[in-house]
Amino acid sequence: MSEPGSDRTVSLDEEEGRIHLDPPLHVVVATEILKLFRWSLRGTLVFVALMAAVDAFFIHQKIITPEQRLMTGSIVLTFVTATVVQVGAALAAIVFAVFKHDKITE
């Protein structure tokens, strides 16, 4: 901002660049929910990989036969689907608790 009596012109772009504003609440909430979603899926994938390794070990050691395997395609799909549904439910609960329905316009 210029001093009274000075000839300096101040542009709004310069002033906006100088001022740091916190991001809006919906951006912060969305970012945190996406972090939760990523970590949840990573955990699920690590668990599925670990169980597949145990399954392969058991088959290799002839503890079980391939027909008795623990990790089938449907079990992997169930784990991943359950994780996505749980995170989606948490997302819906947080969004409806934080934001009012009539105020969401974007």
N, C-alpha and C. Protein backbone atom coordinates (compact mmCIF):
# COMPACT_ATOMS: atom_id res chain seq x y z
N MET A 1 0.85 -1.16 0.00
CA MET A 1 0.00 0.00 0.00
C MET A 1 0.89 1.22 0.00
N SER A 2 0.50 2.26 -0.71
CA SER A 2 1.36 3.45 -0.85
C SER A 2 1.06 4.42 0.28
N GLU A 3 2.08 5.21 0.62
CA GLU A 3 1.97 6.23 1.65
C GLU A 3 1.22 7.43 1.07
N PRO A 4 0.51 8.16 1.90
CA PRO A 4 -0.16 9.37 1.40
C PRO A 4 0.87 10.33 0.81
N GLY A 5 0.59 10.82 -0.33
CA GLY A 5 1.46 11.79 -0.98
C GLY A 5 2.51 11.16 -1.88
N SER A 6 2.64 9.84 -1.89
CA SER A 6 3.64 9.22 -2.78
C SER A 6 2.98 8.90 -4.10
N ASP A 7 3.81 8.78 -5.13
CA ASP A 7 3.29 8.54 -6.47
C ASP A 7 3.31 7.05 -6.83
N ARG A 8 3.62 6.19 -5.90
CA ARG A 8 3.72 4.76 -6.19
C ARG A 8 2.33 4.16 -6.36
N THR A 9 2.17 3.37 -7.44
CA THR A 9 0.92 2.68 -7.69
C THR A 9 1.08 1.23 -7.26
N VAL A 10 0.10 0.70 -6.57
CA VAL A 10 0.14 -0.68 -6.08
C VAL A 10 -0.89 -1.48 -6.85
N SER A 11 -0.44 -2.60 -7.39
CA SER A 11 -1.40 -3.44 -8.11
C SER A 11 -1.96 -4.50 -7.16
N LEU A 12 -3.15 -4.94 -7.45
CA LEU A 12 -3.79 -5.97 -6.63
C LEU A 12 -3.04 -7.30 -6.73
N ASP A 13 -2.47 -7.58 -7.90
CA ASP A 13 -1.71 -8.82 -8.07
C ASP A 13 -0.51 -8.87 -7.13
N GLU A 14 0.19 -7.74 -6.98
CA GLU A 14 1.33 -7.69 -6.07
C GLU A 14 0.89 -7.92 -4.63
N GLU A 15 -0.20 -7.30 -4.25
CA GLU A 15 -0.69 -7.43 -2.88
C GLU A 15 -1.18 -8.85 -2.60
N GLU A 16 -1.86 -9.46 -3.57
CA GLU A 16 -2.32 -10.84 -3.39
C GLU A 16 -1.15 -11.79 -3.25
N GLY A 17 -0.09 -11.54 -3.99
CA GLY A 17 1.09 -12.38 -3.90
C GLY A 17 1.80 -12.25 -2.57
N ARG A 18 1.70 -11.10 -1.95
CA ARG A 18 2.33 -10.85 -0.67
C ARG A 18 1.60 -11.51 0.49
N ILE A 19 0.31 -11.64 0.37
CA ILE A 19 -0.53 -12.14 1.45
C ILE A 19 -0.68 -13.65 1.31
N HIS A 20 -0.40 -14.39 2.39
CA HIS A 20 -0.59 -15.84 2.38
C HIS A 20 -1.93 -16.16 3.02
N LEU A 21 -2.77 -16.86 2.30
CA LEU A 21 -4.07 -17.26 2.82
C LEU A 21 -4.09 -18.77 3.00
N ASP A 22 -4.71 -19.23 4.07
CA ASP A 22 -4.88 -20.66 4.27
C ASP A 22 -5.84 -21.20 3.23
N PRO A 23 -5.65 -22.45 2.81
CA PRO A 23 -6.58 -23.02 1.84
C PRO A 23 -7.98 -23.17 2.45
N PRO A 24 -9.00 -23.15 1.63
CA PRO A 24 -10.36 -23.32 2.16
C PRO A 24 -10.51 -24.67 2.85
N LEU A 25 -11.47 -24.74 3.75
CA LEU A 25 -11.67 -25.95 4.55
C LEU A 25 -11.95 -27.17 3.67
N HIS A 26 -12.73 -27.00 2.61
CA HIS A 26 -13.05 -28.17 1.80
C HIS A 26 -11.82 -28.73 1.09
N VAL A 27 -10.84 -27.89 0.79
CA VAL A 27 -9.60 -28.37 0.17
C VAL A 27 -8.79 -29.16 1.19
N VAL A 28 -8.73 -28.67 2.42
CA VAL A 28 -8.00 -29.37 3.48
C VAL A 28 -8.64 -30.72 3.77
N VAL A 29 -9.96 -30.73 3.90
CA VAL A 29 -10.67 -31.99 4.19
C VAL A 29 -10.49 -32.97 3.05
N ALA A 30 -10.63 -32.53 1.82
CA ALA A 30 -10.46 -33.42 0.67
C ALA A 30 -9.05 -33.99 0.62
N THR A 31 -8.05 -33.17 0.92
CA THR A 31 -6.66 -33.63 0.92
C THR A 31 -6.43 -34.70 1.98
N GLU A 32 -6.95 -34.47 3.17
CA GLU A 32 -6.77 -35.44 4.25
C GLU A 32 -7.51 -36.74 3.96
N ILE A 33 -8.69 -36.66 3.36
CA ILE A 33 -9.44 -37.87 3.03
C ILE A 33 -8.72 -38.66 1.96
N LEU A 34 -8.15 -37.98 0.99
CA LEU A 34 -7.39 -38.69 -0.04
C LEU A 34 -6.15 -39.36 0.55
N LYS A 35 -5.50 -38.73 1.52
CA LYS A 35 -4.38 -39.37 2.21
C LYS A 35 -4.84 -40.64 2.92
N LEU A 36 -5.97 -40.54 3.62
CA LEU A 36 -6.54 -41.70 4.31
C LEU A 36 -6.83 -42.82 3.32
N PHE A 37 -7.43 -42.46 2.19
CA PHE A 37 -7.77 -43.44 1.17
C PHE A 37 -6.51 -44.13 0.64
N ARG A 38 -5.47 -43.36 0.35
CA ARG A 38 -4.23 -43.93 -0.18
C ARG A 38 -3.59 -44.88 0.83
N TRP A 39 -3.49 -44.46 2.10
CA TRP A 39 -2.87 -45.31 3.11
C TRP A 39 -3.70 -46.56 3.36
N SER A 40 -5.00 -46.43 3.32
CA SER A 40 -5.86 -47.58 3.52
C SER A 40 -5.68 -48.60 2.40
N LEU A 41 -5.64 -48.13 1.17
CA LEU A 41 -5.43 -49.05 0.05
C LEU A 41 -4.03 -49.66 0.08
N ARG A 42 -3.04 -48.86 0.44
CA ARG A 42 -1.68 -49.41 0.54
C ARG A 42 -1.63 -50.52 1.58
N GLY A 43 -2.24 -50.28 2.72
CA GLY A 43 -2.28 -51.30 3.77
C GLY A 43 -2.96 -52.57 3.31
N THR A 44 -4.06 -52.41 2.60
CA THR A 44 -4.77 -53.57 2.07
C THR A 44 -3.91 -54.33 1.08
N LEU A 45 -3.25 -53.61 0.18
CA LEU A 45 -2.41 -54.28 -0.81
C LEU A 45 -1.23 -54.98 -0.15
N VAL A 46 -0.64 -54.39 0.88
CA VAL A 46 0.45 -55.04 1.59
C VAL A 46 -0.05 -56.31 2.27
N PHE A 47 -1.22 -56.23 2.88
CA PHE A 47 -1.80 -57.40 3.53
C PHE A 47 -2.08 -58.51 2.53
N VAL A 48 -2.66 -58.16 1.40
CA VAL A 48 -2.96 -59.16 0.37
C VAL A 48 -1.66 -59.78 -0.16
N ALA A 49 -0.63 -58.96 -0.37
CA ALA A 49 0.65 -59.48 -0.84
C ALA A 49 1.27 -60.41 0.20
N LEU A 50 1.19 -60.04 1.46
CA LEU A 50 1.72 -60.88 2.53
C LEU A 50 0.98 -62.21 2.59
N MET A 51 -0.32 -62.16 2.49
CA MET A 51 -1.11 -63.40 2.52
C MET A 51 -0.83 -64.27 1.29
N ALA A 52 -0.60 -63.66 0.14
CA ALA A 52 -0.24 -64.42 -1.06
C ALA A 52 1.12 -65.08 -0.88
N ALA A 53 2.06 -64.38 -0.24
CA ALA A 53 3.37 -64.96 0.02
C ALA A 53 3.27 -66.14 0.99
N VAL A 54 2.46 -65.99 2.02
CA VAL A 54 2.25 -67.10 2.97
C VAL A 54 1.61 -68.28 2.24
N ASP A 55 0.65 -67.97 1.40
CA ASP A 55 -0.02 -69.00 0.60
C ASP A 55 0.99 -69.75 -0.28
N ALA A 56 1.85 -69.01 -0.96
CA ALA A 56 2.86 -69.63 -1.81
C ALA A 56 3.84 -70.46 -0.98
N PHE A 57 4.21 -69.95 0.19
CA PHE A 57 5.11 -70.70 1.06
C PHE A 57 4.48 -72.02 1.50
N PHE A 58 3.22 -71.97 1.90
CA PHE A 58 2.52 -73.19 2.33
C PHE A 58 2.44 -74.20 1.20
N ILE A 59 2.17 -73.73 0.00
CA ILE A 59 2.08 -74.63 -1.15
C ILE A 59 3.47 -75.21 -1.45
N HIS A 60 4.50 -74.36 -1.40
CA HIS A 60 5.87 -74.81 -1.68
C HIS A 60 6.33 -75.85 -0.65
N GLN A 61 5.97 -75.65 0.60
CA GLN A 61 6.35 -76.58 1.66
C GLN A 61 5.43 -77.80 1.74
N LYS A 62 4.46 -77.86 0.85
CA LYS A 62 3.49 -78.95 0.78
C LYS A 62 2.65 -79.08 2.05
N ILE A 63 2.43 -77.95 2.70
CA ILE A 63 1.54 -77.92 3.85
C ILE A 63 0.09 -77.97 3.36
N ILE A 64 -0.16 -77.29 2.26
CA ILE A 64 -1.48 -77.34 1.61
C ILE A 64 -1.26 -77.62 0.13
N THR A 65 -2.32 -78.03 -0.53
CA THR A 65 -2.27 -78.24 -1.98
C THR A 65 -2.77 -76.98 -2.67
N PRO A 66 -2.46 -76.81 -3.96
CA PRO A 66 -2.95 -75.62 -4.66
C PRO A 66 -4.48 -75.47 -4.61
N GLU A 67 -5.19 -76.57 -4.51
CA GLU A 67 -6.66 -76.48 -4.41
C GLU A 67 -7.11 -75.91 -3.07
N GLN A 68 -6.25 -75.98 -2.07
CA GLN A 68 -6.60 -75.50 -0.73
C GLN A 68 -6.07 -74.09 -0.45
N ARG A 69 -5.61 -73.43 -1.47
CA ARG A 69 -4.98 -72.13 -1.27
C ARG A 69 -5.88 -71.18 -0.49
N LEU A 70 -5.25 -70.31 0.27
CA LEU A 70 -5.96 -69.36 1.13
C LEU A 70 -6.43 -68.13 0.37
N MET A 71 -5.60 -67.64 -0.53
CA MET A 71 -5.90 -66.39 -1.24
C MET A 71 -6.38 -66.68 -2.66
N THR A 72 -7.68 -66.70 -2.82
CA THR A 72 -8.25 -66.85 -4.16
C THR A 72 -8.57 -65.46 -4.70
N GLY A 73 -8.94 -65.42 -5.97
CA GLY A 73 -9.28 -64.13 -6.58
C GLY A 73 -10.45 -63.45 -5.89
N SER A 74 -11.41 -64.23 -5.47
CA SER A 74 -12.59 -63.62 -4.82
C SER A 74 -12.24 -63.04 -3.45
N ILE A 75 -11.29 -63.65 -2.75
CA ILE A 75 -10.89 -63.11 -1.45
C ILE A 75 -10.13 -61.80 -1.63
N VAL A 76 -9.25 -61.74 -2.60
CA VAL A 76 -8.53 -60.49 -2.88
C VAL A 76 -9.52 -59.39 -3.25
N LEU A 77 -10.47 -59.71 -4.11
CA LEU A 77 -11.49 -58.73 -4.51
C LEU A 77 -12.31 -58.28 -3.31
N THR A 78 -12.62 -59.19 -2.41
CA THR A 78 -13.38 -58.85 -1.21
C THR A 78 -12.61 -57.88 -0.32
N PHE A 79 -11.32 -58.13 -0.11
CA PHE A 79 -10.50 -57.22 0.71
C PHE A 79 -10.46 -55.82 0.11
N VAL A 80 -10.18 -55.73 -1.16
CA VAL A 80 -10.06 -54.42 -1.81
C VAL A 80 -11.41 -53.70 -1.80
N THR A 81 -12.48 -54.42 -2.12
CA THR A 81 -13.81 -53.81 -2.13
C THR A 81 -14.21 -53.33 -0.74
N ALA A 82 -13.95 -54.13 0.27
CA ALA A 82 -14.29 -53.72 1.64
C ALA A 82 -13.54 -52.46 2.05
N THR A 83 -12.28 -52.36 1.65
CA THR A 83 -11.50 -51.17 1.98
C THR A 83 -12.07 -49.94 1.30
N VAL A 84 -12.41 -50.07 0.03
CA VAL A 84 -12.96 -48.93 -0.71
C VAL A 84 -14.30 -48.51 -0.12
N VAL A 85 -15.14 -49.46 0.24
CA VAL A 85 -16.45 -49.15 0.82
C VAL A 85 -16.29 -48.45 2.17
N GLN A 86 -15.38 -48.93 3.00
CA GLN A 86 -15.17 -48.31 4.31
C GLN A 86 -14.66 -46.87 4.18
N VAL A 87 -13.72 -46.66 3.29
CA VAL A 87 -13.22 -45.29 3.10
C VAL A 87 -14.30 -44.41 2.50
N GLY A 88 -15.09 -44.94 1.59
CA GLY A 88 -16.20 -44.18 1.01
C GLY A 88 -17.23 -43.80 2.06
N ALA A 89 -17.53 -44.71 2.96
CA ALA A 89 -18.48 -44.41 4.04
C ALA A 89 -17.91 -43.34 4.97
N ALA A 90 -16.63 -43.43 5.29
CA ALA A 90 -16.01 -42.40 6.13
C ALA A 90 -16.01 -41.06 5.42
N LEU A 91 -15.73 -41.06 4.12
CA LEU A 91 -15.77 -39.83 3.33
C LEU A 91 -17.15 -39.21 3.37
N ALA A 92 -18.18 -40.00 3.15
CA ALA A 92 -19.55 -39.47 3.16
C ALA A 92 -19.90 -38.90 4.53
N ALA A 93 -19.54 -39.60 5.58
CA ALA A 93 -19.84 -39.12 6.93
C ALA A 93 -19.14 -37.80 7.22
N ILE A 94 -17.88 -37.69 6.83
CA ILE A 94 -17.14 -36.46 7.08
C ILE A 94 -17.70 -35.31 6.25
N VAL A 95 -17.98 -35.56 4.98
CA VAL A 95 -18.51 -34.50 4.12
C VAL A 95 -19.85 -34.00 4.63
N PHE A 96 -20.73 -34.91 5.02
CA PHE A 96 -22.04 -34.47 5.49
C PHE A 96 -21.97 -33.81 6.86
N ALA A 97 -20.96 -34.15 7.65
CA ALA A 97 -20.81 -33.52 8.96
C ALA A 97 -20.17 -32.14 8.85
N VAL A 98 -19.22 -31.98 7.93
CA VAL A 98 -18.48 -30.72 7.84
C VAL A 98 -19.22 -29.70 6.99
N PHE A 99 -19.77 -30.15 5.89
CA PHE A 99 -20.40 -29.23 4.94
C PHE A 99 -21.91 -29.36 4.98
N LYS A 100 -22.57 -28.24 4.87
CA LYS A 100 -24.03 -28.25 4.76
C LYS A 100 -24.41 -28.48 3.32
N HIS A 101 -25.49 -29.20 3.08
CA HIS A 101 -25.89 -29.57 1.73
C HIS A 101 -26.18 -28.35 0.86
N ASP A 102 -26.80 -27.34 1.40
CA ASP A 102 -27.18 -26.19 0.59
C ASP A 102 -26.00 -25.26 0.30
N LYS A 103 -24.87 -25.46 0.97
CA LYS A 103 -23.72 -24.58 0.76
C LYS A 103 -22.72 -25.14 -0.25
N ILE A 104 -22.89 -26.38 -0.66
CA ILE A 104 -21.97 -26.98 -1.64
C ILE A 104 -22.44 -26.57 -3.03
N THR A 105 -21.64 -25.75 -3.68
CA THR A 105 -22.03 -25.27 -5.02
C THR A 105 -21.02 -25.65 -6.06
N GLU A 106 -19.86 -26.15 -5.67
CA GLU A 106 -18.83 -26.49 -6.64
C GLU A 106 -18.92 -27.93 -7.02
